[in-house]
Protein backbone atom coordinates (compact mmCIF):
# COMPACT_ATOMS: atom_id res chain seq x y z
CA UNK A 1 0.00 0.00 0.00
CA UNK A 2 1.36 3.38 -0.98
CA UNK A 3 2.00 5.67 1.98
CA UNK A 4 1.07 9.25 1.23
CA UNK A 5 2.13 11.89 3.72
CA UNK A 6 -0.42 14.64 3.90
CA UNK A 7 1.56 17.79 3.24
CA UNK A 8 0.22 20.66 5.32
CA UNK A 9 2.06 23.14 3.11
CA UNK A 10 -0.40 22.40 0.30
CA UNK A 11 -2.89 24.50 2.19
CA UNK A 12 -0.45 26.77 4.04
CA UNK A 13 -0.40 29.43 1.33
CA UNK A 14 -3.88 30.59 2.25
CA UNK A 15 -3.79 29.74 5.94
CA UNK A 16 -3.81 32.37 8.63
CA UNK A 17 -3.91 31.94 12.40
CA UNK A 18 -7.53 30.97 11.88
CA UNK A 19 -8.60 30.93 8.27
CA UNK A 20 -11.45 33.11 6.98
CA UNK A 21 -14.69 31.19 6.31
CA UNK A 22 -14.53 31.20 2.50
CA UNK A 23 -10.92 30.06 2.34
CA UNK A 24 -11.60 27.48 5.04
CA UNK A 25 -14.48 26.03 3.02
CA UNK A 26 -12.35 25.87 -0.15
CA UNK A 27 -9.48 24.22 1.71
CA UNK A 28 -11.85 21.87 3.53
CA UNK A 29 -13.31 20.81 0.20
CA UNK A 30 -9.81 20.00 -1.06
CA UNK A 31 -8.98 18.19 2.16
CA UNK A 32 -12.12 16.06 2.03
CA UNK A 33 -11.35 15.05 -1.56
CA UNK A 34 -8.05 13.67 -0.28
CA UNK A 35 -9.49 12.04 2.87
CA UNK A 36 -12.49 10.64 1.01
CA UNK A 37 -10.18 9.04 -1.56
CA UNK A 38 -7.76 7.45 0.90
CA UNK A 39 -9.14 3.91 0.78
CA UNK A 40 -10.25 4.13 -2.86
CA UNK A 41 -6.76 5.13 -4.02
CA UNK A 42 -4.96 2.79 -1.63
CA UNK A 43 -2.92 5.31 0.31
CA UNK A 44 -2.57 6.15 3.97
CA UNK A 45 -2.74 9.70 5.25
CA UNK A 46 -0.57 11.25 7.92
CA UNK A 47 -3.24 11.73 10.60
CA UNK A 48 -1.15 14.02 12.86
CA UNK A 49 -0.62 16.42 9.94
CA UNK A 50 -4.35 16.57 9.27
CA UNK A 51 -4.98 17.23 12.95
CA UNK A 52 -2.35 19.99 12.94
CA UNK A 53 -3.97 21.59 9.87
CA UNK A 54 -7.34 21.58 11.63
CA UNK A 55 -5.88 23.08 14.81
CA UNK A 56 -4.27 25.86 12.77
CA UNK A 57 -7.25 26.65 10.55
CA UNK A 58 -10.51 25.81 12.33
CA UNK A 59 -11.94 27.86 15.17
CA UNK A 60 -12.28 25.77 18.33
CA UNK A 61 -15.92 26.80 18.64
CA UNK A 62 -16.84 25.95 15.04
CA UNK A 63 -19.56 23.43 15.85
CA UNK A 64 -20.41 22.85 12.18
CA UNK A 65 -16.95 21.93 10.94
CA UNK A 66 -17.07 18.24 11.90
CA UNK A 67 -20.45 17.65 10.29
CA UNK A 68 -19.40 19.53 7.14
CA UNK A 69 -16.20 17.50 6.98
CA UNK A 70 -18.14 14.26 7.37
CA UNK A 71 -20.70 15.23 4.72
CA UNK A 72 -18.06 16.19 2.17
CA UNK A 73 -15.98 13.05 2.84
CA UNK A 74 -19.09 10.90 2.36
CA UNK A 75 -19.84 12.71 -0.89
CA UNK A 76 -16.33 12.09 -2.17
CA UNK A 77 -16.60 8.41 -1.31
CA UNK A 78 -19.85 8.15 -3.30
CA UNK A 79 -18.22 9.87 -6.27
CA UNK A 80 -15.34 7.42 -6.12
CA UNK A 81 -17.73 4.45 -6.06
CA UNK A 82 -19.57 5.79 -9.08
CA UNK A 83 -16.30 6.14 -11.02
CA UNK A 84 -15.50 2.49 -10.45
CA UNK A 85 -18.70 1.28 -12.09
PDB file of N, CA and C in Angstrom:
ATOM      1  N   UNK A   1       0.844  -1.176   0.000  1.00  0.00           N
ATOM      2  CA  UNK A   1       0.000   0.000   0.000  1.00  0.00           C
ATOM      3  C   UNK A   1       0.891   1.241   0.000  1.00  0.00           C
ATOM      4  N   UNK A   2       0.611   2.138  -0.872  1.00  0.00           N
ATOM      5  CA  UNK A   2       1.359   3.377  -0.984  1.00  0.00           C
ATOM      6  C   UNK A   2       1.103   4.248   0.239  1.00  0.00           C
ATOM      7  N   UNK A   3       2.159   4.766   0.827  1.00  0.00           N
ATOM      8  CA  UNK A   3       2.001   5.668   1.980  1.00  0.00           C
ATOM      9  C   UNK A   3       2.121   7.089   1.469  1.00  0.00           C
ATOM     10  N   UNK A   4       1.090   7.866   1.669  1.00  0.00           N
ATOM     11  CA  UNK A   4       1.073   9.249   1.233  1.00  0.00           C
ATOM     12  C   UNK A   4       1.078  10.134   2.464  1.00  0.00           C
ATOM     13  N   UNK A   5       2.082  10.936   2.609  1.00  0.00           N
ATOM     14  CA  UNK A   5       2.131  11.887   3.720  1.00  0.00           C
ATOM     15  C   UNK A   5       1.321  13.101   3.320  1.00  0.00           C
ATOM     16  N   UNK A   6       0.393  13.461   4.159  1.00  0.00           N
ATOM     17  CA  UNK A   6      -0.417  14.643   3.904  1.00  0.00           C
ATOM     18  C   UNK A   6       0.451  15.861   4.159  1.00  0.00           C
ATOM     19  N   UNK A   7       0.680  16.644   3.150  1.00  0.00           N
ATOM     20  CA  UNK A   7       1.560  17.794   3.242  1.00  0.00           C
ATOM     21  C   UNK A   7       0.735  19.018   3.628  1.00  0.00           C
ATOM     22  N   UNK A   8       0.962  19.509   4.823  1.00  0.00           N
ATOM     23  CA  UNK A   8       0.219  20.663   5.318  1.00  0.00           C
ATOM     24  C   UNK A   8       0.511  21.888   4.464  1.00  0.00           C
ATOM     25  N   UNK A   9       1.699  21.972   3.903  1.00  0.00           N
ATOM     26  CA  UNK A   9       2.061  23.144   3.112  1.00  0.00           C
ATOM     27  C   UNK A   9       1.198  23.309   1.870  1.00  0.00           C
ATOM     28  N   UNK A  10       0.506  22.280   1.441  1.00  0.00           N
ATOM     29  CA  UNK A  10      -0.400  22.396   0.300  1.00  0.00           C
ATOM     30  C   UNK A  10      -1.431  23.480   0.573  1.00  0.00           C
ATOM     31  N   UNK A  11      -1.873  23.543   1.817  1.00  0.00           N
ATOM     32  CA  UNK A  11      -2.892  24.503   2.187  1.00  0.00           C
ATOM     33  C   UNK A  11      -2.326  25.715   2.910  1.00  0.00           C
ATOM     34  N   UNK A  12      -1.048  25.715   3.211  1.00  0.00           N
ATOM     35  CA  UNK A  12      -0.455  26.767   4.035  1.00  0.00           C
ATOM     36  C   UNK A  12      -0.446  28.124   3.345  1.00  0.00           C
ATOM     37  N   UNK A  13      -0.439  28.160   2.039  1.00  0.00           N
ATOM     38  CA  UNK A  13      -0.395  29.434   1.331  1.00  0.00           C
ATOM     39  C   UNK A  13      -1.564  30.336   1.642  1.00  0.00           C
ATOM     40  N   UNK A  14      -2.710  29.780   1.965  1.00  0.00           N
ATOM     41  CA  UNK A  14      -3.881  30.589   2.252  1.00  0.00           C
ATOM     42  C   UNK A  14      -4.266  30.540   3.726  1.00  0.00           C
ATOM     43  N   UNK A  15      -3.450  29.880   4.528  1.00  0.00           N
ATOM     44  CA  UNK A  15      -3.789  29.736   5.944  1.00  0.00           C
ATOM     45  C   UNK A  15      -3.326  30.937   6.754  1.00  0.00           C
ATOM     46  N   UNK A  16      -4.162  31.349   7.664  1.00  0.00           N
ATOM     47  CA  UNK A  16      -3.807  32.370   8.630  1.00  0.00           C
ATOM     48  C   UNK A  16      -3.900  31.723   9.994  1.00  0.00           C
ATOM     49  N   UNK A  17      -3.782  32.517  11.058  1.00  0.00           N
ATOM     50  CA  UNK A  17      -3.906  31.944  12.403  1.00  0.00           C
ATOM     51  C   UNK A  17      -5.190  31.129  12.490  1.00  0.00           C
ATOM     52  N   UNK A  18      -6.269  31.691  12.068  1.00  0.00           N
ATOM     53  CA  UNK A  18      -7.529  30.968  11.878  1.00  0.00           C
ATOM     54  C   UNK A  18      -8.073  31.475  10.551  1.00  0.00           C
ATOM     55  N   UNK A  19      -8.264  30.598   9.642  1.00  0.00           N
ATOM     56  CA  UNK A  19      -8.599  30.933   8.266  1.00  0.00           C
ATOM     57  C   UNK A  19      -9.995  31.531   8.140  1.00  0.00           C
ATOM     58  N   UNK A  20     -10.134  32.498   7.217  1.00  0.00           N
ATOM     59  CA  UNK A  20     -11.445  33.106   6.977  1.00  0.00           C
ATOM     60  C   UNK A  20     -12.401  32.042   6.442  1.00  0.00           C
ATOM     61  N   UNK A  21     -13.709  32.240   6.635  1.00  0.00           N
ATOM     62  CA  UNK A  21     -14.693  31.191   6.310  1.00  0.00           C
ATOM     63  C   UNK A  21     -14.674  30.719   4.853  1.00  0.00           C
ATOM     64  N   UNK A  22     -14.507  31.606   3.903  1.00  0.00           N
ATOM     65  CA  UNK A  22     -14.534  31.201   2.501  1.00  0.00           C
ATOM     66  C   UNK A  22     -13.305  30.355   2.166  1.00  0.00           C
ATOM     67  N   UNK A  23     -12.144  30.808   2.587  1.00  0.00           N
ATOM     68  CA  UNK A  23     -10.920  30.055   2.341  1.00  0.00           C
ATOM     69  C   UNK A  23     -10.958  28.726   3.067  1.00  0.00           C
ATOM     70  N   UNK A  24     -11.481  28.725   4.288  1.00  0.00           N
ATOM     71  CA  UNK A  24     -11.598  27.478   5.045  1.00  0.00           C
ATOM     72  C   UNK A  24     -12.472  26.485   4.297  1.00  0.00           C
ATOM     73  N   UNK A  25     -13.582  26.935   3.738  1.00  0.00           N
ATOM     74  CA  UNK A  25     -14.478  26.029   3.016  1.00  0.00           C
ATOM     75  C   UNK A  25     -13.790  25.489   1.754  1.00  0.00           C
ATOM     76  N   UNK A  26     -13.064  26.339   1.045  1.00  0.00           N
ATOM     77  CA  UNK A  26     -12.347  25.870  -0.146  1.00  0.00           C
ATOM     78  C   UNK A  26     -11.288  24.836   0.231  1.00  0.00           C
ATOM     79  N   UNK A  27     -10.527  25.142   1.272  1.00  0.00           N
ATOM     80  CA  UNK A  27      -9.481  24.222   1.706  1.00  0.00           C
ATOM     81  C   UNK A  27     -10.068  22.932   2.278  1.00  0.00           C
ATOM     82  N   UNK A  28     -11.184  23.049   2.985  1.00  0.00           N
ATOM     83  CA  UNK A  28     -11.853  21.874   3.530  1.00  0.00           C
ATOM     84  C   UNK A  28     -12.348  20.977   2.404  1.00  0.00           C
ATOM     85  N   UNK A  29     -12.860  21.577   1.357  1.00  0.00           N
ATOM     86  CA  UNK A  29     -13.308  20.811   0.195  1.00  0.00           C
ATOM     87  C   UNK A  29     -12.145  20.032  -0.411  1.00  0.00           C
ATOM     88  N   UNK A  30     -11.000  20.688  -0.547  1.00  0.00           N
ATOM     89  CA  UNK A  30      -9.811  20.003  -1.064  1.00  0.00           C
ATOM     90  C   UNK A  30      -9.369  18.883  -0.127  1.00  0.00           C
ATOM     91  N   UNK A  31      -9.376  19.174   1.163  1.00  0.00           N
ATOM     92  CA  UNK A  31      -8.975  18.189   2.164  1.00  0.00           C
ATOM     93  C   UNK A  31      -9.887  16.968   2.138  1.00  0.00           C
ATOM     94  N   UNK A  32     -11.180  17.188   2.022  1.00  0.00           N
ATOM     95  CA  UNK A  32     -12.119  16.060   2.025  1.00  0.00           C
ATOM     96  C   UNK A  32     -11.992  15.219   0.760  1.00  0.00           C
ATOM     97  N   UNK A  33     -11.596  15.838  -0.337  1.00  0.00           N
ATOM     98  CA  UNK A  33     -11.353  15.054  -1.557  1.00  0.00           C
ATOM     99  C   UNK A  33     -10.203  14.085  -1.318  1.00  0.00           C
ATOM    100  N   UNK A  34      -9.199  14.527  -0.579  1.00  0.00           N
ATOM    101  CA  UNK A  34      -8.054  13.671  -0.275  1.00  0.00           C
ATOM    102  C   UNK A  34      -8.450  12.592   0.731  1.00  0.00           C
ATOM    103  N   UNK A  35      -9.097  13.009   1.830  1.00  0.00           N
ATOM    104  CA  UNK A  35      -9.487  12.044   2.867  1.00  0.00           C
ATOM    105  C   UNK A  35     -10.489  11.033   2.314  1.00  0.00           C
ATOM    106  N   UNK A  36     -11.462  11.519   1.550  1.00  0.00           N
ATOM    107  CA  UNK A  36     -12.488  10.641   1.006  1.00  0.00           C
ATOM    108  C   UNK A  36     -11.980   9.674  -0.043  1.00  0.00           C
ATOM    109  N   UNK A  37     -10.775   9.905  -0.535  1.00  0.00           N
ATOM    110  CA  UNK A  37     -10.184   9.037  -1.560  1.00  0.00           C
ATOM    111  C   UNK A  37      -9.103   8.122  -1.001  1.00  0.00           C
ATOM    112  N   UNK A  38      -8.849   8.220   0.289  1.00  0.00           N
ATOM    113  CA  UNK A  38      -7.757   7.452   0.904  1.00  0.00           C
ATOM    114  C   UNK A  38      -7.866   5.959   0.614  1.00  0.00           C
ATOM    115  N   UNK A  39      -8.966   5.352   0.979  1.00  0.00           N
ATOM    116  CA  UNK A  39      -9.138   3.910   0.777  1.00  0.00           C
ATOM    117  C   UNK A  39      -9.244   3.570  -0.703  1.00  0.00           C
ATOM    118  N   UNK A  40     -10.014   4.367  -1.437  1.00  0.00           N
ATOM    119  CA  UNK A  40     -10.247   4.128  -2.858  1.00  0.00           C
ATOM    120  C   UNK A  40      -8.938   4.108  -3.644  1.00  0.00           C
ATOM    121  N   UNK A  41      -8.028   5.018  -3.307  1.00  0.00           N
ATOM    122  CA  UNK A  41      -6.756   5.131  -4.023  1.00  0.00           C
ATOM    123  C   UNK A  41      -5.650   4.276  -3.412  1.00  0.00           C
ATOM    124  N   UNK A  42      -5.929   3.690  -2.244  1.00  0.00           N
ATOM    125  CA  UNK A  42      -4.962   2.794  -1.628  1.00  0.00           C
ATOM    126  C   UNK A  42      -3.791   3.478  -0.964  1.00  0.00           C
ATOM    127  N   UNK A  43      -4.004   4.654  -0.423  1.00  0.00           N
ATOM    128  CA  UNK A  43      -2.921   5.307   0.309  1.00  0.00           C
ATOM    129  C   UNK A  43      -3.325   5.556   1.752  1.00  0.00           C
ATOM    130  N   UNK A  44      -2.342   5.900   2.565  1.00  0.00           N
ATOM    131  CA  UNK A  44      -2.565   6.148   3.975  1.00  0.00           C
ATOM    132  C   UNK A  44      -2.150   7.581   4.280  1.00  0.00           C
ATOM    133  N   UNK A  45      -3.021   8.304   4.929  1.00  0.00           N
ATOM    134  CA  UNK A  45      -2.740   9.699   5.247  1.00  0.00           C
ATOM    135  C   UNK A  45      -2.007   9.838   6.573  1.00  0.00           C
ATOM    136  N   UNK A  46      -1.283  10.911   6.697  1.00  0.00           N
ATOM    137  CA  UNK A  46      -0.567  11.252   7.921  1.00  0.00           C
ATOM    138  C   UNK A  46      -1.557  11.963   8.849  1.00  0.00           C
ATOM    139  N   UNK A  47      -2.193  11.196   9.731  1.00  0.00           N
ATOM    140  CA  UNK A  47      -3.240  11.733  10.602  1.00  0.00           C
ATOM    141  C   UNK A  47      -2.776  12.907  11.465  1.00  0.00           C
ATOM    142  N   UNK A  48      -1.584  12.872  12.062  1.00  0.00           N
ATOM    143  CA  UNK A  48      -1.146  14.025  12.862  1.00  0.00           C
ATOM    144  C   UNK A  48      -1.046  15.319  12.048  1.00  0.00           C
ATOM    145  N   UNK A  49      -0.680  15.216  10.778  1.00  0.00           N
ATOM    146  CA  UNK A  49      -0.617  16.417   9.935  1.00  0.00           C
ATOM    147  C   UNK A  49      -2.010  16.981   9.667  1.00  0.00           C
ATOM    148  N   UNK A  50      -2.972  16.109   9.474  1.00  0.00           N
ATOM    149  CA  UNK A  50      -4.349  16.566   9.274  1.00  0.00           C
ATOM    150  C   UNK A  50      -4.848  17.248  10.538  1.00  0.00           C
ATOM    151  N   UNK A  51      -4.586  16.635  11.676  1.00  0.00           N
ATOM    152  CA  UNK A  51      -4.984  17.234  12.954  1.00  0.00           C
ATOM    153  C   UNK A  51      -4.332  18.599  13.141  1.00  0.00           C
ATOM    154  N   UNK A  52      -3.061  18.705  12.813  1.00  0.00           N
ATOM    155  CA  UNK A  52      -2.353  19.987  12.938  1.00  0.00           C
ATOM    156  C   UNK A  52      -2.979  21.041  12.025  1.00  0.00           C
ATOM    157  N   UNK A  53      -3.328  20.654  10.802  1.00  0.00           N
ATOM    158  CA  UNK A  53      -3.973  21.588   9.873  1.00  0.00           C
ATOM    159  C   UNK A  53      -5.284  22.103  10.466  1.00  0.00           C
ATOM    160  N   UNK A  54      -6.061  21.186  11.035  1.00  0.00           N
ATOM    161  CA  UNK A  54      -7.341  21.583  11.635  1.00  0.00           C
ATOM    162  C   UNK A  54      -7.127  22.523  12.817  1.00  0.00           C
ATOM    163  N   UNK A  55      -6.152  22.218  13.655  1.00  0.00           N
ATOM    164  CA  UNK A  55      -5.877  23.083  14.808  1.00  0.00           C
ATOM    165  C   UNK A  55      -5.461  24.483  14.371  1.00  0.00           C
ATOM    166  N   UNK A  56      -4.749  24.580  13.263  1.00  0.00           N
ATOM    167  CA  UNK A  56      -4.269  25.862  12.773  1.00  0.00           C
ATOM    168  C   UNK A  56      -5.333  26.654  12.017  1.00  0.00           C
ATOM    169  N   UNK A  57      -6.329  25.976  11.465  1.00  0.00           N
ATOM    170  CA  UNK A  57      -7.252  26.649  10.548  1.00  0.00           C
ATOM    171  C   UNK A  57      -8.705  26.701  10.984  1.00  0.00           C
ATOM    172  N   UNK A  58      -9.098  25.895  11.939  1.00  0.00           N
ATOM    173  CA  UNK A  58     -10.506  25.815  12.326  1.00  0.00           C
ATOM    174  C   UNK A  58     -10.677  26.396  13.726  1.00  0.00           C
ATOM    175  N   UNK A  59     -11.640  27.288  13.857  1.00  0.00           N
ATOM    176  CA  UNK A  59     -11.945  27.861  15.173  1.00  0.00           C
ATOM    177  C   UNK A  59     -12.386  26.749  16.118  1.00  0.00           C
ATOM    178  N   UNK A  60     -11.929  26.800  17.347  1.00  0.00           N
ATOM    179  CA  UNK A  60     -12.275  25.768  18.333  1.00  0.00           C
ATOM    180  C   UNK A  60     -13.775  25.680  18.575  1.00  0.00           C
ATOM    181  N   UNK A  61     -14.478  26.784  18.395  1.00  0.00           N
ATOM    182  CA  UNK A  61     -15.922  26.801  18.645  1.00  0.00           C
ATOM    183  C   UNK A  61     -16.751  26.616  17.375  1.00  0.00           C
ATOM    184  N   UNK A  62     -16.129  26.180  16.294  1.00  0.00           N
ATOM    185  CA  UNK A  62     -16.842  25.953  15.037  1.00  0.00           C
ATOM    186  C   UNK A  62     -17.565  24.618  15.109  1.00  0.00           C
ATOM    187  N   UNK A  63     -18.780  24.647  15.625  1.00  0.00           N
ATOM    188  CA  UNK A  63     -19.562  23.426  15.851  1.00  0.00           C
ATOM    189  C   UNK A  63     -19.955  22.736  14.549  1.00  0.00           C
ATOM    190  N   UNK A  64     -19.974  23.445  13.439  1.00  0.00           N
ATOM    191  CA  UNK A  64     -20.407  22.852  12.179  1.00  0.00           C
ATOM    192  C   UNK A  64     -19.302  22.221  11.365  1.00  0.00           C
ATOM    193  N   UNK A  65     -18.050  22.434  11.757  1.00  0.00           N
ATOM    194  CA  UNK A  65     -16.946  21.932  10.936  1.00  0.00           C
ATOM    195  C   UNK A  65     -16.962  20.408  10.817  1.00  0.00           C
ATOM    196  N   UNK A  66     -17.117  19.717  11.925  1.00  0.00           N
ATOM    197  CA  UNK A  66     -17.068  18.244  11.900  1.00  0.00           C
ATOM    198  C   UNK A  66     -18.160  17.655  11.014  1.00  0.00           C
ATOM    199  N   UNK A  67     -19.369  18.189  11.112  1.00  0.00           N
ATOM    200  CA  UNK A  67     -20.448  17.653  10.287  1.00  0.00           C
ATOM    201  C   UNK A  67     -20.237  17.984   8.806  1.00  0.00           C
ATOM    202  N   UNK A  68     -19.707  19.166   8.525  1.00  0.00           N
ATOM    203  CA  UNK A  68     -19.400  19.530   7.141  1.00  0.00           C
ATOM    204  C   UNK A  68     -18.314  18.618   6.591  1.00  0.00           C
ATOM    205  N   UNK A  69     -17.291  18.379   7.386  1.00  0.00           N
ATOM    206  CA  UNK A  69     -16.204  17.499   6.979  1.00  0.00           C
ATOM    207  C   UNK A  69     -16.742  16.102   6.678  1.00  0.00           C
ATOM    208  N   UNK A  70     -17.566  15.588   7.553  1.00  0.00           N
ATOM    209  CA  UNK A  70     -18.142  14.258   7.372  1.00  0.00           C
ATOM    210  C   UNK A  70     -19.003  14.188   6.107  1.00  0.00           C
ATOM    211  N   UNK A  71     -19.828  15.200   5.893  1.00  0.00           N
ATOM    212  CA  UNK A  71     -20.697  15.227   4.716  1.00  0.00           C
ATOM    213  C   UNK A  71     -19.877  15.235   3.429  1.00  0.00           C
ATOM    214  N   UNK A  72     -18.865  16.083   3.383  1.00  0.00           N
ATOM    215  CA  UNK A  72     -18.057  16.187   2.175  1.00  0.00           C
ATOM    216  C   UNK A  72     -17.225  14.929   1.931  1.00  0.00           C
ATOM    217  N   UNK A  73     -16.720  14.308   2.991  1.00  0.00           N
ATOM    218  CA  UNK A  73     -15.977  13.052   2.839  1.00  0.00           C
ATOM    219  C   UNK A  73     -16.909  11.968   2.287  1.00  0.00           C
ATOM    220  N   UNK A  74     -18.111  11.889   2.843  1.00  0.00           N
ATOM    221  CA  UNK A  74     -19.085  10.904   2.362  1.00  0.00           C
ATOM    222  C   UNK A  74     -19.408  11.128   0.889  1.00  0.00           C
ATOM    223  N   UNK A  75     -19.569  12.376   0.504  1.00  0.00           N
ATOM    224  CA  UNK A  75     -19.843  12.710  -0.892  1.00  0.00           C
ATOM    225  C   UNK A  75     -18.710  12.292  -1.807  1.00  0.00           C
ATOM    226  N   UNK A  76     -17.487  12.498  -1.370  1.00  0.00           N
ATOM    227  CA  UNK A  76     -16.328  12.091  -2.168  1.00  0.00           C
ATOM    228  C   UNK A  76     -16.284  10.578  -2.322  1.00  0.00           C
ATOM    229  N   UNK A  77     -16.609   9.871  -1.254  1.00  0.00           N
ATOM    230  CA  UNK A  77     -16.602   8.408  -1.311  1.00  0.00           C
ATOM    231  C   UNK A  77     -17.649   7.892  -2.294  1.00  0.00           C
ATOM    232  N   UNK A  78     -18.809   8.530  -2.336  1.00  0.00           N
ATOM    233  CA  UNK A  78     -19.851   8.146  -3.297  1.00  0.00           C
ATOM    234  C   UNK A  78     -19.377   8.409  -4.716  1.00  0.00           C
ATOM    235  N   UNK A  79     -18.759   9.565  -4.940  1.00  0.00           N
ATOM    236  CA  UNK A  79     -18.222   9.872  -6.274  1.00  0.00           C
ATOM    237  C   UNK A  79     -17.206   8.817  -6.709  1.00  0.00           C
ATOM    238  N   UNK A  80     -16.354   8.427  -5.796  1.00  0.00           N
ATOM    239  CA  UNK A  80     -15.339   7.422  -6.121  1.00  0.00           C
ATOM    240  C   UNK A  80     -16.000   6.084  -6.491  1.00  0.00           C
ATOM    241  N   UNK A  81     -17.024   5.694  -5.750  1.00  0.00           N
ATOM    242  CA  UNK A  81     -17.726   4.445  -6.057  1.00  0.00           C
ATOM    243  C   UNK A  81     -18.366   4.508  -7.438  1.00  0.00           C
ATOM    244  N   UNK A  82     -18.930   5.649  -7.785  1.00  0.00           N
ATOM    245  CA  UNK A  82     -19.570   5.794  -9.079  1.00  0.00           C
ATOM    246  C   UNK A  82     -18.554   5.732 -10.214  1.00  0.00           C
ATOM    247  N   UNK A  83     -17.340   6.199  -9.981  1.00  0.00           N
ATOM    248  CA  UNK A  83     -16.303   6.139 -11.015  1.00  0.00           C
ATOM    249  C   UNK A  83     -15.881   4.711 -11.285  1.00  0.00           C
ATOM    250  N   UNK A  84     -15.987   3.854 -10.276  1.00  0.00           N
ATOM    251  CA  UNK A  84     -15.499   2.487 -10.449  1.00  0.00           C
ATOM    252  C   UNK A  84     -16.523   1.579 -11.113  1.00  0.00           C
ATOM    253  N   UNK A  85     -17.661   2.097 -11.440  1.00  0.00           N
ATOM    254  CA  UNK A  85     -18.699   1.282 -12.094  1.00  0.00           C
ATOM    255  C   UNK A  85     -18.541   1.268 -13.579  1.00  0.00           C
TER     256      UNK A  85
END
